[in-house]
């Protein structure tokens, strides 16, 4: 499998052109993300990245920061292209969604190390021993290294983490037919599972390195 082509400057519209298509593009991205979003536990959500989510992020950053130069756009591309999954991977942005100072004080210390505690459990449904799930295969999250180095703290965690999930060839094949569960386990959370069945089709196509359909900016 070959790595997906990174976004380049030619993929990013200038600000005036983007404003003309933004409402429609944003609506379609929201629909796209809904198929790639998994809630986990009471305060965490993972959005699994694609060429479309990354392109939207760069366009929105350029808009918010009024970035006009090719050099400035390239800087954003260098940052966000790192979110694209490599062959045999899924990549995700994990948001710890807290809305009050009280929640921040409660949860951020409790979730230290959470970026190492996320994983996919893949349980085969073709167990010949009597119809029960076979023992699960675990695909452990790996934090994006540069982000982790910048934000890791011993006392509190960051509110956003970038994660990769490297699958073996056997796990890629299993994903298509397995019971797919996203899990988190920390000393304070114990084990918080959530089914990813509704999202597994879209994620499986990404994992299988199907050519990602690019949402048109027009």
N, C-alpha and C. Protein backbone atom coordinates (compact mmCIF):
# COMPACT_ATOMS: atom_id res chain seq x y z
N UNK A 1 0.85 -1.19 0.00
CA UNK A 1 0.00 0.00 0.00
C UNK A 1 0.88 1.24 0.00
N UNK A 2 0.49 2.21 -0.78
CA UNK A 2 1.25 3.46 -0.83
C UNK A 2 0.63 4.48 0.10
N UNK A 3 1.47 5.40 0.57
CA UNK A 3 0.99 6.45 1.47
C UNK A 3 0.10 7.41 0.71
N UNK A 4 -0.94 7.96 1.37
CA UNK A 4 -1.79 8.95 0.70
C UNK A 4 -1.00 10.20 0.37
N UNK A 5 -1.33 10.82 -0.75
CA UNK A 5 -0.65 12.04 -1.14
C UNK A 5 -0.99 13.15 -0.15
N UNK A 6 0.01 13.86 0.39
CA UNK A 6 -0.30 14.98 1.28
C UNK A 6 -0.93 16.12 0.51
N UNK A 7 -1.64 16.97 1.23
CA UNK A 7 -2.19 18.17 0.62
C UNK A 7 -1.07 19.13 0.25
N UNK A 8 -1.27 19.90 -0.82
CA UNK A 8 -0.30 20.92 -1.20
C UNK A 8 -1.00 22.26 -1.38
N UNK A 9 -0.25 23.27 -1.67
CA UNK A 9 -0.79 24.63 -1.76
C UNK A 9 -1.91 24.71 -2.80
N UNK A 10 -1.79 23.95 -3.88
CA UNK A 10 -2.83 23.96 -4.91
C UNK A 10 -4.17 23.43 -4.44
N UNK A 11 -4.19 22.70 -3.32
CA UNK A 11 -5.44 22.16 -2.79
C UNK A 11 -6.20 23.17 -1.93
N UNK A 12 -5.57 24.30 -1.62
CA UNK A 12 -6.15 25.26 -0.67
C UNK A 12 -6.59 26.51 -1.43
N UNK A 13 -7.87 26.87 -1.28
CA UNK A 13 -8.39 28.07 -1.93
C UNK A 13 -7.95 29.32 -1.20
N UNK A 14 -7.81 30.43 -1.95
CA UNK A 14 -7.55 31.69 -1.28
C UNK A 14 -8.81 32.14 -0.54
N UNK A 15 -8.68 33.16 0.30
CA UNK A 15 -9.75 33.49 1.23
C UNK A 15 -11.04 33.89 0.54
N UNK A 16 -10.96 34.69 -0.51
CA UNK A 16 -12.18 35.14 -1.18
C UNK A 16 -12.89 33.96 -1.84
N UNK A 17 -12.13 33.10 -2.50
CA UNK A 17 -12.74 31.94 -3.15
C UNK A 17 -13.35 31.01 -2.11
N UNK A 18 -12.67 30.85 -0.98
CA UNK A 18 -13.19 29.96 0.06
C UNK A 18 -14.49 30.49 0.66
N UNK A 19 -14.59 31.80 0.84
CA UNK A 19 -15.82 32.37 1.41
C UNK A 19 -17.02 32.05 0.52
N UNK A 20 -16.82 31.99 -0.78
CA UNK A 20 -17.94 31.74 -1.70
C UNK A 20 -18.48 30.32 -1.56
N UNK A 21 -17.65 29.38 -1.14
CA UNK A 21 -18.09 27.97 -1.09
C UNK A 21 -18.14 27.43 0.33
N UNK A 22 -17.77 28.27 1.31
CA UNK A 22 -17.58 27.75 2.67
C UNK A 22 -18.84 27.13 3.26
N UNK A 23 -19.99 27.75 3.11
CA UNK A 23 -21.19 27.23 3.75
C UNK A 23 -21.50 25.81 3.28
N UNK A 24 -21.44 25.59 1.98
CA UNK A 24 -21.73 24.25 1.45
C UNK A 24 -20.65 23.26 1.85
N UNK A 25 -19.39 23.68 1.76
CA UNK A 25 -18.28 22.78 2.12
C UNK A 25 -18.36 22.40 3.59
N UNK A 26 -18.64 23.37 4.44
CA UNK A 26 -18.72 23.12 5.87
C UNK A 26 -19.87 22.14 6.17
N UNK A 27 -21.01 22.32 5.53
CA UNK A 27 -22.13 21.40 5.73
C UNK A 27 -21.75 19.97 5.36
N UNK A 28 -21.06 19.81 4.25
CA UNK A 28 -20.68 18.47 3.81
C UNK A 28 -19.60 17.87 4.70
N UNK A 29 -18.72 18.70 5.23
CA UNK A 29 -17.71 18.21 6.16
C UNK A 29 -18.36 17.75 7.47
N UNK A 30 -19.35 18.47 7.95
CA UNK A 30 -20.06 18.06 9.17
C UNK A 30 -20.68 16.68 8.96
N UNK A 31 -21.29 16.45 7.81
CA UNK A 31 -21.86 15.14 7.51
C UNK A 31 -20.77 14.07 7.44
N UNK A 32 -19.65 14.42 6.83
CA UNK A 32 -18.51 13.50 6.70
C UNK A 32 -17.96 13.14 8.09
N UNK A 33 -17.80 14.14 8.95
CA UNK A 33 -17.26 13.89 10.29
C UNK A 33 -18.21 13.05 11.14
N UNK A 34 -19.50 13.19 10.93
CA UNK A 34 -20.47 12.42 11.72
C UNK A 34 -20.25 10.93 11.56
N UNK A 35 -19.76 10.51 10.40
CA UNK A 35 -19.49 9.09 10.14
C UNK A 35 -18.14 8.67 10.68
N UNK A 36 -17.38 9.63 11.21
CA UNK A 36 -16.02 9.35 11.68
C UNK A 36 -15.84 9.79 13.13
N UNK A 37 -16.92 10.07 13.82
CA UNK A 37 -16.88 10.58 15.19
C UNK A 37 -17.36 9.49 16.15
N UNK A 38 -16.57 9.26 17.22
CA UNK A 38 -16.93 8.27 18.23
C UNK A 38 -16.79 8.91 19.60
N UNK A 39 -17.89 8.91 20.37
CA UNK A 39 -17.84 9.38 21.76
C UNK A 39 -17.31 8.25 22.63
N UNK A 40 -16.49 8.60 23.62
CA UNK A 40 -15.85 7.60 24.48
C UNK A 40 -15.86 8.10 25.91
N UNK A 41 -16.60 7.42 26.79
CA UNK A 41 -16.69 7.88 28.16
C UNK A 41 -17.51 9.16 28.24
N UNK A 42 -17.52 9.78 29.41
CA UNK A 42 -18.40 10.94 29.61
C UNK A 42 -17.90 12.24 28.99
N UNK A 43 -16.60 12.35 28.70
CA UNK A 43 -16.10 13.67 28.27
C UNK A 43 -15.18 13.61 27.06
N UNK A 44 -15.03 12.46 26.41
CA UNK A 44 -14.08 12.34 25.31
C UNK A 44 -14.78 12.01 23.99
N UNK A 45 -14.28 12.62 22.92
CA UNK A 45 -14.74 12.32 21.57
C UNK A 45 -13.53 12.21 20.66
N UNK A 46 -13.53 11.20 19.79
CA UNK A 46 -12.49 11.03 18.78
C UNK A 46 -13.08 11.28 17.41
N UNK A 47 -12.40 12.08 16.60
CA UNK A 47 -12.75 12.29 15.20
C UNK A 47 -11.62 11.71 14.36
N UNK A 48 -11.95 10.73 13.55
CA UNK A 48 -10.93 10.05 12.75
C UNK A 48 -10.71 10.84 11.46
N UNK A 49 -9.43 11.15 11.22
CA UNK A 49 -9.06 12.12 10.19
C UNK A 49 -9.04 11.50 8.81
N UNK A 50 -9.23 12.36 7.83
CA UNK A 50 -9.17 11.97 6.41
C UNK A 50 -8.62 13.16 5.63
N UNK A 51 -8.42 12.97 4.35
CA UNK A 51 -7.95 14.07 3.52
C UNK A 51 -8.92 15.24 3.57
N UNK A 52 -10.21 14.95 3.74
CA UNK A 52 -11.22 16.00 3.77
C UNK A 52 -11.21 16.77 5.10
N UNK A 53 -11.08 16.06 6.21
CA UNK A 53 -11.06 16.76 7.50
C UNK A 53 -9.82 17.63 7.63
N UNK A 54 -8.70 17.13 7.11
CA UNK A 54 -7.46 17.90 7.19
C UNK A 54 -7.53 19.12 6.28
N UNK A 55 -8.07 18.96 5.09
CA UNK A 55 -8.21 20.10 4.18
C UNK A 55 -9.10 21.18 4.80
N UNK A 56 -10.20 20.75 5.42
CA UNK A 56 -11.09 21.70 6.08
C UNK A 56 -10.37 22.44 7.21
N UNK A 57 -9.56 21.73 7.97
CA UNK A 57 -8.84 22.36 9.07
C UNK A 57 -7.88 23.43 8.56
N UNK A 58 -7.17 23.13 7.48
CA UNK A 58 -6.23 24.11 6.92
C UNK A 58 -7.00 25.32 6.38
N UNK A 59 -8.09 25.08 5.66
CA UNK A 59 -8.89 26.20 5.15
C UNK A 59 -9.41 27.08 6.29
N UNK A 60 -9.87 26.47 7.36
CA UNK A 60 -10.42 27.24 8.46
C UNK A 60 -9.32 27.99 9.22
N UNK A 61 -8.16 27.40 9.36
CA UNK A 61 -7.04 28.10 10.00
C UNK A 61 -6.61 29.30 9.17
N UNK A 62 -6.53 29.11 7.86
CA UNK A 62 -6.16 30.22 6.98
C UNK A 62 -7.18 31.34 7.08
N UNK A 63 -8.45 30.97 7.17
CA UNK A 63 -9.51 31.97 7.28
C UNK A 63 -9.44 32.71 8.62
N UNK A 64 -9.29 31.96 9.71
CA UNK A 64 -9.28 32.57 11.04
C UNK A 64 -8.08 33.47 11.24
N UNK A 65 -6.92 33.05 10.71
CA UNK A 65 -5.68 33.79 10.91
C UNK A 65 -5.38 34.76 9.77
N UNK A 66 -6.28 34.82 8.78
CA UNK A 66 -6.09 35.69 7.61
C UNK A 66 -4.73 35.44 6.95
N UNK A 67 -4.44 34.18 6.70
CA UNK A 67 -3.17 33.80 6.09
C UNK A 67 -3.28 33.96 4.58
N UNK A 68 -2.43 34.80 4.01
CA UNK A 68 -2.52 35.13 2.58
C UNK A 68 -1.34 34.62 1.77
N UNK A 69 -0.21 34.37 2.39
CA UNK A 69 0.99 34.01 1.64
C UNK A 69 1.11 32.50 1.46
N UNK A 70 1.78 32.10 0.38
CA UNK A 70 2.05 30.68 0.18
C UNK A 70 2.89 30.12 1.33
N UNK A 71 3.81 30.92 1.83
CA UNK A 71 4.66 30.45 2.93
C UNK A 71 3.82 30.15 4.17
N UNK A 72 2.86 31.03 4.45
CA UNK A 72 2.01 30.80 5.61
C UNK A 72 1.13 29.58 5.45
N UNK A 73 0.56 29.40 4.25
CA UNK A 73 -0.25 28.22 3.99
C UNK A 73 0.59 26.95 4.10
N UNK A 74 1.81 27.00 3.59
CA UNK A 74 2.67 25.82 3.66
C UNK A 74 2.99 25.45 5.10
N UNK A 75 3.15 26.44 5.96
CA UNK A 75 3.38 26.15 7.38
C UNK A 75 2.21 25.37 7.97
N UNK A 76 0.98 25.78 7.63
CA UNK A 76 -0.20 25.07 8.12
C UNK A 76 -0.26 23.65 7.53
N UNK A 77 0.07 23.52 6.26
CA UNK A 77 0.07 22.20 5.64
C UNK A 77 1.08 21.28 6.30
N UNK A 78 2.25 21.82 6.63
CA UNK A 78 3.27 21.00 7.28
C UNK A 78 2.78 20.46 8.62
N UNK A 79 1.99 21.27 9.33
CA UNK A 79 1.44 20.84 10.63
C UNK A 79 0.34 19.81 10.43
N UNK A 80 -0.63 20.12 9.58
CA UNK A 80 -1.84 19.29 9.53
C UNK A 80 -1.70 18.07 8.64
N UNK A 81 -0.77 18.08 7.69
CA UNK A 81 -0.54 16.86 6.92
C UNK A 81 -0.07 15.71 7.80
N UNK A 82 0.50 16.04 8.96
CA UNK A 82 0.93 15.00 9.89
C UNK A 82 -0.25 14.21 10.44
N UNK A 83 -1.46 14.74 10.31
CA UNK A 83 -2.64 14.03 10.81
C UNK A 83 -3.15 12.97 9.84
N UNK A 84 -2.68 13.00 8.59
CA UNK A 84 -3.14 12.01 7.63
C UNK A 84 -2.65 10.62 8.02
N UNK A 85 -3.51 9.62 7.99
CA UNK A 85 -3.06 8.27 8.35
C UNK A 85 -2.15 7.68 7.30
N UNK A 86 -1.13 6.98 7.76
CA UNK A 86 -0.26 6.23 6.87
C UNK A 86 -0.96 4.92 6.47
N UNK A 87 -0.45 4.19 5.47
CA UNK A 87 -1.04 2.90 5.11
C UNK A 87 -1.11 1.98 6.33
N UNK A 88 -2.26 1.31 6.50
CA UNK A 88 -2.43 0.41 7.63
C UNK A 88 -2.67 1.12 8.95
N UNK A 89 -3.03 2.39 8.91
CA UNK A 89 -3.27 3.17 10.12
C UNK A 89 -4.64 3.84 10.07
N UNK A 90 -5.17 4.13 11.24
CA UNK A 90 -6.16 5.18 11.42
C UNK A 90 -5.52 6.26 12.26
N UNK A 91 -5.91 7.50 12.04
CA UNK A 91 -5.43 8.59 12.89
C UNK A 91 -6.64 9.38 13.36
N UNK A 92 -6.54 9.94 14.55
CA UNK A 92 -7.69 10.61 15.15
C UNK A 92 -7.24 11.80 15.97
N UNK A 93 -8.10 12.79 16.04
CA UNK A 93 -7.96 13.87 17.01
C UNK A 93 -8.92 13.57 18.15
N UNK A 94 -8.37 13.50 19.37
CA UNK A 94 -9.19 13.23 20.54
C UNK A 94 -9.42 14.53 21.31
N UNK A 95 -10.68 14.85 21.54
CA UNK A 95 -11.06 16.06 22.26
C UNK A 95 -11.58 15.67 23.65
N UNK A 96 -11.03 16.32 24.66
CA UNK A 96 -11.59 16.21 26.01
C UNK A 96 -12.48 17.43 26.18
N UNK A 97 -13.80 17.18 26.17
CA UNK A 97 -14.78 18.25 26.02
C UNK A 97 -15.29 18.69 27.38
N UNK A 98 -14.71 19.77 27.89
CA UNK A 98 -15.02 20.30 29.21
C UNK A 98 -15.49 21.75 29.06
N UNK A 99 -16.51 22.11 29.80
CA UNK A 99 -17.12 23.42 29.60
C UNK A 99 -17.08 24.32 30.82
N UNK A 100 -16.49 23.88 31.92
CA UNK A 100 -16.45 24.71 33.12
C UNK A 100 -15.12 24.53 33.83
N UNK A 101 -14.75 25.51 34.65
CA UNK A 101 -13.53 25.40 35.44
C UNK A 101 -13.59 24.21 36.38
N UNK A 102 -14.77 23.93 36.90
CA UNK A 102 -14.92 22.78 37.80
C UNK A 102 -14.60 21.48 37.08
N UNK A 103 -15.12 21.33 35.86
CA UNK A 103 -14.82 20.13 35.08
C UNK A 103 -13.34 20.04 34.74
N UNK A 104 -12.73 21.17 34.39
CA UNK A 104 -11.29 21.16 34.08
C UNK A 104 -10.48 20.67 35.27
N UNK A 105 -10.81 21.18 36.45
CA UNK A 105 -10.07 20.78 37.65
C UNK A 105 -10.31 19.30 37.99
N UNK A 106 -11.50 18.82 37.69
CA UNK A 106 -11.80 17.42 38.01
C UNK A 106 -11.16 16.45 37.03
N UNK A 107 -11.30 16.74 35.72
CA UNK A 107 -10.96 15.74 34.73
C UNK A 107 -9.53 15.78 34.22
N UNK A 108 -8.95 16.95 34.03
CA UNK A 108 -7.61 16.99 33.42
C UNK A 108 -6.56 16.27 34.26
N UNK A 109 -6.58 16.39 35.59
CA UNK A 109 -5.64 15.56 36.36
C UNK A 109 -5.97 14.06 36.29
N UNK A 110 -7.24 13.71 36.24
CA UNK A 110 -7.64 12.30 36.21
C UNK A 110 -7.24 11.62 34.91
N UNK A 111 -7.12 12.39 33.84
CA UNK A 111 -6.88 11.80 32.53
C UNK A 111 -5.43 11.89 32.07
N UNK A 112 -4.52 12.17 32.99
CA UNK A 112 -3.09 12.14 32.63
C UNK A 112 -2.74 10.76 32.08
N UNK A 113 -2.10 10.73 30.92
CA UNK A 113 -1.72 9.47 30.28
C UNK A 113 -2.80 8.86 29.41
N UNK A 114 -3.93 9.57 29.23
CA UNK A 114 -5.03 9.00 28.45
C UNK A 114 -4.62 8.73 27.01
N UNK A 115 -3.66 9.48 26.49
CA UNK A 115 -3.25 9.29 25.10
C UNK A 115 -2.61 7.92 24.87
N UNK A 116 -2.16 7.27 25.95
CA UNK A 116 -1.58 5.93 25.83
C UNK A 116 -2.59 4.83 26.20
N UNK A 117 -3.81 5.21 26.54
CA UNK A 117 -4.77 4.26 27.11
C UNK A 117 -5.96 3.98 26.20
N UNK A 118 -5.90 4.44 24.94
CA UNK A 118 -6.99 4.25 23.99
C UNK A 118 -6.62 3.10 23.06
N UNK A 119 -7.61 2.31 22.69
CA UNK A 119 -7.33 1.24 21.75
C UNK A 119 -8.60 0.71 21.10
N UNK A 120 -8.43 0.03 19.97
CA UNK A 120 -9.51 -0.70 19.32
C UNK A 120 -9.44 -2.17 19.74
N UNK A 121 -10.56 -2.70 20.21
CA UNK A 121 -10.69 -4.14 20.40
C UNK A 121 -11.44 -4.71 19.21
N UNK A 122 -10.84 -5.72 18.60
CA UNK A 122 -11.44 -6.39 17.45
C UNK A 122 -11.73 -7.82 17.84
N UNK A 123 -13.01 -8.17 18.00
CA UNK A 123 -13.39 -9.51 18.41
C UNK A 123 -14.04 -10.22 17.24
N UNK A 124 -13.48 -11.34 16.84
CA UNK A 124 -13.99 -12.06 15.67
C UNK A 124 -15.38 -12.61 15.97
N UNK A 125 -16.27 -12.49 14.99
CA UNK A 125 -17.62 -13.05 15.15
C UNK A 125 -17.72 -14.43 14.52
N UNK A 126 -16.59 -14.98 14.04
CA UNK A 126 -16.61 -16.28 13.38
C UNK A 126 -15.94 -17.35 14.24
N UNK A 127 -16.24 -17.31 15.53
CA UNK A 127 -15.63 -18.26 16.46
C UNK A 127 -16.29 -19.64 16.30
N UNK A 128 -15.53 -20.66 15.91
CA UNK A 128 -16.14 -21.98 15.70
C UNK A 128 -16.45 -22.71 17.00
N UNK A 129 -16.08 -22.16 18.16
CA UNK A 129 -16.23 -22.89 19.42
C UNK A 129 -17.63 -22.81 20.00
N UNK A 130 -18.55 -22.14 19.34
CA UNK A 130 -19.89 -22.13 19.88
C UNK A 130 -20.62 -20.82 19.74
N UNK A 131 -20.16 -19.94 18.87
CA UNK A 131 -20.91 -18.73 18.62
C UNK A 131 -20.53 -17.54 19.47
N UNK A 132 -19.59 -17.69 20.39
CA UNK A 132 -19.15 -16.56 21.18
C UNK A 132 -18.03 -15.82 20.44
N UNK A 133 -17.83 -14.55 20.81
CA UNK A 133 -16.73 -13.80 20.22
C UNK A 133 -15.40 -14.46 20.58
N UNK A 134 -14.52 -14.51 19.62
CA UNK A 134 -13.15 -14.95 19.90
C UNK A 134 -12.43 -13.88 20.71
N UNK A 135 -11.34 -14.23 21.39
CA UNK A 135 -10.61 -13.22 22.16
C UNK A 135 -10.25 -12.01 21.31
N UNK A 136 -10.38 -10.83 21.90
CA UNK A 136 -10.18 -9.60 21.14
C UNK A 136 -8.71 -9.36 20.83
N UNK A 137 -8.48 -8.81 19.65
CA UNK A 137 -7.18 -8.29 19.28
C UNK A 137 -7.18 -6.80 19.57
N UNK A 138 -6.16 -6.30 20.25
CA UNK A 138 -6.12 -4.90 20.67
C UNK A 138 -5.15 -4.11 19.80
N UNK A 139 -5.62 -2.99 19.26
CA UNK A 139 -4.78 -2.05 18.51
C UNK A 139 -4.62 -0.81 19.38
N UNK A 140 -3.44 -0.64 19.95
CA UNK A 140 -3.19 0.42 20.92
C UNK A 140 -2.87 1.74 20.22
N UNK A 141 -3.40 2.84 20.75
CA UNK A 141 -3.09 4.17 20.21
C UNK A 141 -1.64 4.53 20.47
N UNK A 142 -1.06 5.26 19.52
CA UNK A 142 0.29 5.82 19.65
C UNK A 142 0.18 7.33 19.48
N UNK A 143 0.53 8.14 20.48
CA UNK A 143 0.42 9.60 20.33
C UNK A 143 1.34 10.12 19.23
N UNK A 144 0.86 11.14 18.51
CA UNK A 144 1.69 11.82 17.52
C UNK A 144 2.87 12.46 18.25
N UNK A 145 4.09 12.14 17.84
CA UNK A 145 5.26 12.38 18.67
C UNK A 145 5.54 13.86 18.92
N UNK A 146 5.44 14.69 17.90
CA UNK A 146 5.77 16.10 18.11
C UNK A 146 4.75 16.79 19.00
N UNK A 147 3.48 16.43 18.83
CA UNK A 147 2.44 16.99 19.68
C UNK A 147 2.63 16.54 21.12
N UNK A 148 2.92 15.27 21.32
CA UNK A 148 3.11 14.76 22.67
C UNK A 148 4.28 15.44 23.36
N UNK A 149 5.37 15.64 22.63
CA UNK A 149 6.54 16.27 23.23
C UNK A 149 6.24 17.71 23.66
N UNK A 150 5.37 18.39 22.92
CA UNK A 150 5.08 19.79 23.23
C UNK A 150 4.11 19.93 24.39
N UNK A 151 3.19 18.96 24.57
CA UNK A 151 2.09 19.17 25.50
C UNK A 151 2.07 18.24 26.70
N UNK A 152 2.94 17.25 26.75
CA UNK A 152 2.91 16.33 27.87
C UNK A 152 3.25 17.04 29.17
N UNK A 153 2.40 16.83 30.19
CA UNK A 153 2.62 17.33 31.55
C UNK A 153 2.39 16.19 32.52
N UNK A 154 3.04 16.29 33.69
CA UNK A 154 2.88 15.24 34.69
C UNK A 154 1.62 15.40 35.52
N UNK A 155 1.12 16.63 35.64
CA UNK A 155 0.01 16.90 36.56
C UNK A 155 -1.35 16.92 35.88
N UNK A 156 -1.41 17.43 34.65
CA UNK A 156 -2.68 17.52 33.92
C UNK A 156 -2.43 17.13 32.47
N UNK A 157 -3.48 16.67 31.82
CA UNK A 157 -3.37 16.34 30.41
C UNK A 157 -3.83 17.52 29.56
N UNK A 158 -3.53 17.46 28.27
CA UNK A 158 -4.03 18.47 27.33
C UNK A 158 -5.47 18.15 26.95
N UNK A 159 -6.19 19.15 26.46
CA UNK A 159 -7.58 18.95 26.07
C UNK A 159 -7.71 18.37 24.66
N UNK A 160 -6.61 18.36 23.89
CA UNK A 160 -6.62 17.81 22.53
C UNK A 160 -5.39 16.92 22.38
N UNK A 161 -5.60 15.74 21.82
CA UNK A 161 -4.49 14.82 21.54
C UNK A 161 -4.63 14.29 20.12
N UNK A 162 -3.49 14.06 19.46
CA UNK A 162 -3.47 13.48 18.13
C UNK A 162 -2.92 12.06 18.25
N UNK A 163 -3.70 11.08 17.77
CA UNK A 163 -3.38 9.67 17.99
C UNK A 163 -3.31 8.92 16.67
N UNK A 164 -2.46 7.90 16.65
CA UNK A 164 -2.40 6.97 15.52
C UNK A 164 -2.69 5.57 16.03
N UNK A 165 -3.33 4.78 15.18
CA UNK A 165 -3.65 3.40 15.49
C UNK A 165 -3.03 2.52 14.41
N UNK A 166 -1.86 1.93 14.65
CA UNK A 166 -1.21 1.10 13.63
C UNK A 166 -1.74 -0.33 13.67
N UNK A 167 -2.31 -0.78 12.56
CA UNK A 167 -2.88 -2.11 12.45
C UNK A 167 -1.91 -3.03 11.72
N UNK A 168 -1.84 -4.27 12.15
CA UNK A 168 -1.13 -5.28 11.37
C UNK A 168 -1.98 -5.66 10.16
N UNK A 169 -1.38 -6.37 9.21
CA UNK A 169 -2.14 -6.80 8.03
C UNK A 169 -3.31 -7.68 8.43
N UNK A 170 -3.11 -8.54 9.43
CA UNK A 170 -4.18 -9.42 9.89
C UNK A 170 -5.30 -8.60 10.55
N UNK A 171 -4.93 -7.57 11.30
CA UNK A 171 -5.94 -6.74 11.96
C UNK A 171 -6.72 -5.90 10.96
N UNK A 172 -6.07 -5.48 9.88
CA UNK A 172 -6.79 -4.75 8.83
C UNK A 172 -7.88 -5.64 8.25
N UNK A 173 -7.56 -6.90 7.97
CA UNK A 173 -8.56 -7.82 7.44
C UNK A 173 -9.66 -8.09 8.46
N UNK A 174 -9.28 -8.24 9.74
CA UNK A 174 -10.25 -8.53 10.78
C UNK A 174 -11.23 -7.39 10.99
N UNK A 175 -10.77 -6.16 10.78
CA UNK A 175 -11.61 -4.98 11.02
C UNK A 175 -12.92 -5.06 10.25
N UNK A 176 -12.87 -5.62 9.05
CA UNK A 176 -14.06 -5.64 8.19
C UNK A 176 -15.15 -6.54 8.73
N UNK A 177 -14.79 -7.57 9.50
CA UNK A 177 -15.78 -8.54 9.97
C UNK A 177 -15.89 -8.62 11.48
N UNK A 178 -15.09 -7.84 12.19
CA UNK A 178 -15.04 -7.95 13.65
C UNK A 178 -16.11 -7.10 14.31
N UNK A 179 -16.37 -7.41 15.58
CA UNK A 179 -17.09 -6.50 16.46
C UNK A 179 -16.07 -5.46 16.92
N UNK A 180 -16.24 -4.22 16.48
CA UNK A 180 -15.24 -3.17 16.68
C UNK A 180 -15.65 -2.32 17.89
N UNK A 181 -14.78 -2.27 18.90
CA UNK A 181 -15.05 -1.50 20.10
C UNK A 181 -13.87 -0.61 20.41
N UNK A 182 -14.14 0.66 20.64
CA UNK A 182 -13.10 1.59 21.07
C UNK A 182 -13.12 1.63 22.60
N UNK A 183 -11.95 1.50 23.22
CA UNK A 183 -11.89 1.41 24.68
C UNK A 183 -10.88 2.40 25.22
N UNK A 184 -11.11 2.81 26.46
CA UNK A 184 -10.15 3.62 27.21
C UNK A 184 -10.02 3.01 28.59
N UNK A 185 -8.81 2.92 29.09
CA UNK A 185 -8.60 2.37 30.43
C UNK A 185 -7.48 3.14 31.12
N UNK A 186 -7.81 3.81 32.20
CA UNK A 186 -6.82 4.48 33.04
C UNK A 186 -7.08 4.08 34.49
N UNK A 187 -6.14 4.33 35.40
CA UNK A 187 -6.39 3.96 36.80
C UNK A 187 -7.64 4.59 37.38
N UNK A 188 -8.01 5.79 36.93
CA UNK A 188 -9.18 6.46 37.50
C UNK A 188 -10.45 6.16 36.73
N UNK A 189 -10.35 5.79 35.45
CA UNK A 189 -11.53 5.53 34.64
C UNK A 189 -11.87 4.04 34.56
N UNK A 190 -10.95 3.19 34.97
CA UNK A 190 -11.07 1.76 34.75
C UNK A 190 -11.20 1.50 33.25
N UNK A 191 -12.35 1.03 32.79
CA UNK A 191 -12.45 0.69 31.37
C UNK A 191 -13.75 1.25 30.81
N UNK A 192 -13.64 2.14 29.83
CA UNK A 192 -14.82 2.75 29.22
C UNK A 192 -14.89 2.32 27.76
N UNK A 193 -15.79 1.38 27.42
CA UNK A 193 -15.89 0.95 26.02
C UNK A 193 -17.04 1.64 25.30
N UNK A 194 -16.93 1.72 23.98
CA UNK A 194 -18.05 2.17 23.15
C UNK A 194 -17.97 1.46 21.81
N UNK A 195 -19.09 1.02 21.31
CA UNK A 195 -19.12 0.35 20.02
C UNK A 195 -18.83 1.36 18.92
N UNK A 196 -18.01 0.97 17.96
CA UNK A 196 -17.74 1.80 16.78
C UNK A 196 -18.39 1.19 15.54
N UNK A 197 -19.46 0.39 15.76
CA UNK A 197 -20.10 -0.31 14.64
C UNK A 197 -20.63 0.65 13.60
N UNK A 198 -21.26 1.74 14.04
CA UNK A 198 -21.86 2.68 13.09
C UNK A 198 -20.81 3.38 12.24
N UNK A 199 -19.59 3.53 12.75
CA UNK A 199 -18.53 4.23 12.03
C UNK A 199 -17.57 3.27 11.32
N UNK A 200 -17.72 1.96 11.57
CA UNK A 200 -16.69 1.03 11.11
C UNK A 200 -16.62 0.95 9.59
N UNK A 201 -17.73 1.21 8.88
CA UNK A 201 -17.68 1.17 7.42
C UNK A 201 -16.77 2.25 6.86
N UNK A 202 -16.98 3.50 7.30
CA UNK A 202 -16.14 4.60 6.82
C UNK A 202 -14.69 4.41 7.24
N UNK A 203 -14.48 3.97 8.48
CA UNK A 203 -13.11 3.79 8.96
C UNK A 203 -12.45 2.60 8.28
N UNK A 204 -13.21 1.57 8.02
CA UNK A 204 -12.65 0.41 7.33
C UNK A 204 -12.19 0.74 5.93
N UNK A 205 -12.95 1.60 5.24
CA UNK A 205 -12.53 2.00 3.89
C UNK A 205 -11.23 2.79 3.96
N UNK A 206 -11.08 3.65 4.96
CA UNK A 206 -9.82 4.39 5.13
C UNK A 206 -8.68 3.43 5.45
N UNK A 207 -8.95 2.50 6.35
CA UNK A 207 -7.92 1.56 6.77
C UNK A 207 -7.50 0.66 5.64
N UNK A 208 -8.44 0.30 4.78
CA UNK A 208 -8.12 -0.54 3.64
C UNK A 208 -7.45 0.20 2.51
N UNK A 209 -7.15 1.50 2.75
CA UNK A 209 -6.43 2.33 1.78
C UNK A 209 -7.24 2.56 0.51
N UNK A 210 -8.60 2.49 0.64
CA UNK A 210 -9.42 2.90 -0.50
C UNK A 210 -9.13 4.36 -0.81
N UNK A 211 -9.19 4.71 -2.06
CA UNK A 211 -8.97 6.10 -2.44
C UNK A 211 -10.05 6.97 -1.80
N UNK A 212 -9.62 7.95 -1.01
CA UNK A 212 -10.55 8.82 -0.32
C UNK A 212 -11.23 9.77 -1.31
N UNK A 213 -12.55 9.74 -1.31
CA UNK A 213 -13.28 10.68 -2.16
C UNK A 213 -13.14 12.08 -1.60
N UNK A 214 -12.57 12.97 -2.39
CA UNK A 214 -12.38 14.33 -1.93
C UNK A 214 -13.66 15.14 -2.14
N UNK A 215 -14.11 15.77 -1.08
CA UNK A 215 -15.28 16.64 -1.17
C UNK A 215 -14.89 17.86 -1.97
N UNK A 216 -15.67 18.17 -3.00
CA UNK A 216 -15.30 19.25 -3.91
C UNK A 216 -15.44 20.60 -3.24
N UNK A 217 -14.49 21.46 -3.51
CA UNK A 217 -14.56 22.87 -3.07
C UNK A 217 -15.06 23.69 -4.25
N UNK A 218 -16.37 23.63 -4.48
CA UNK A 218 -16.91 24.35 -5.62
C UNK A 218 -18.38 24.64 -5.37
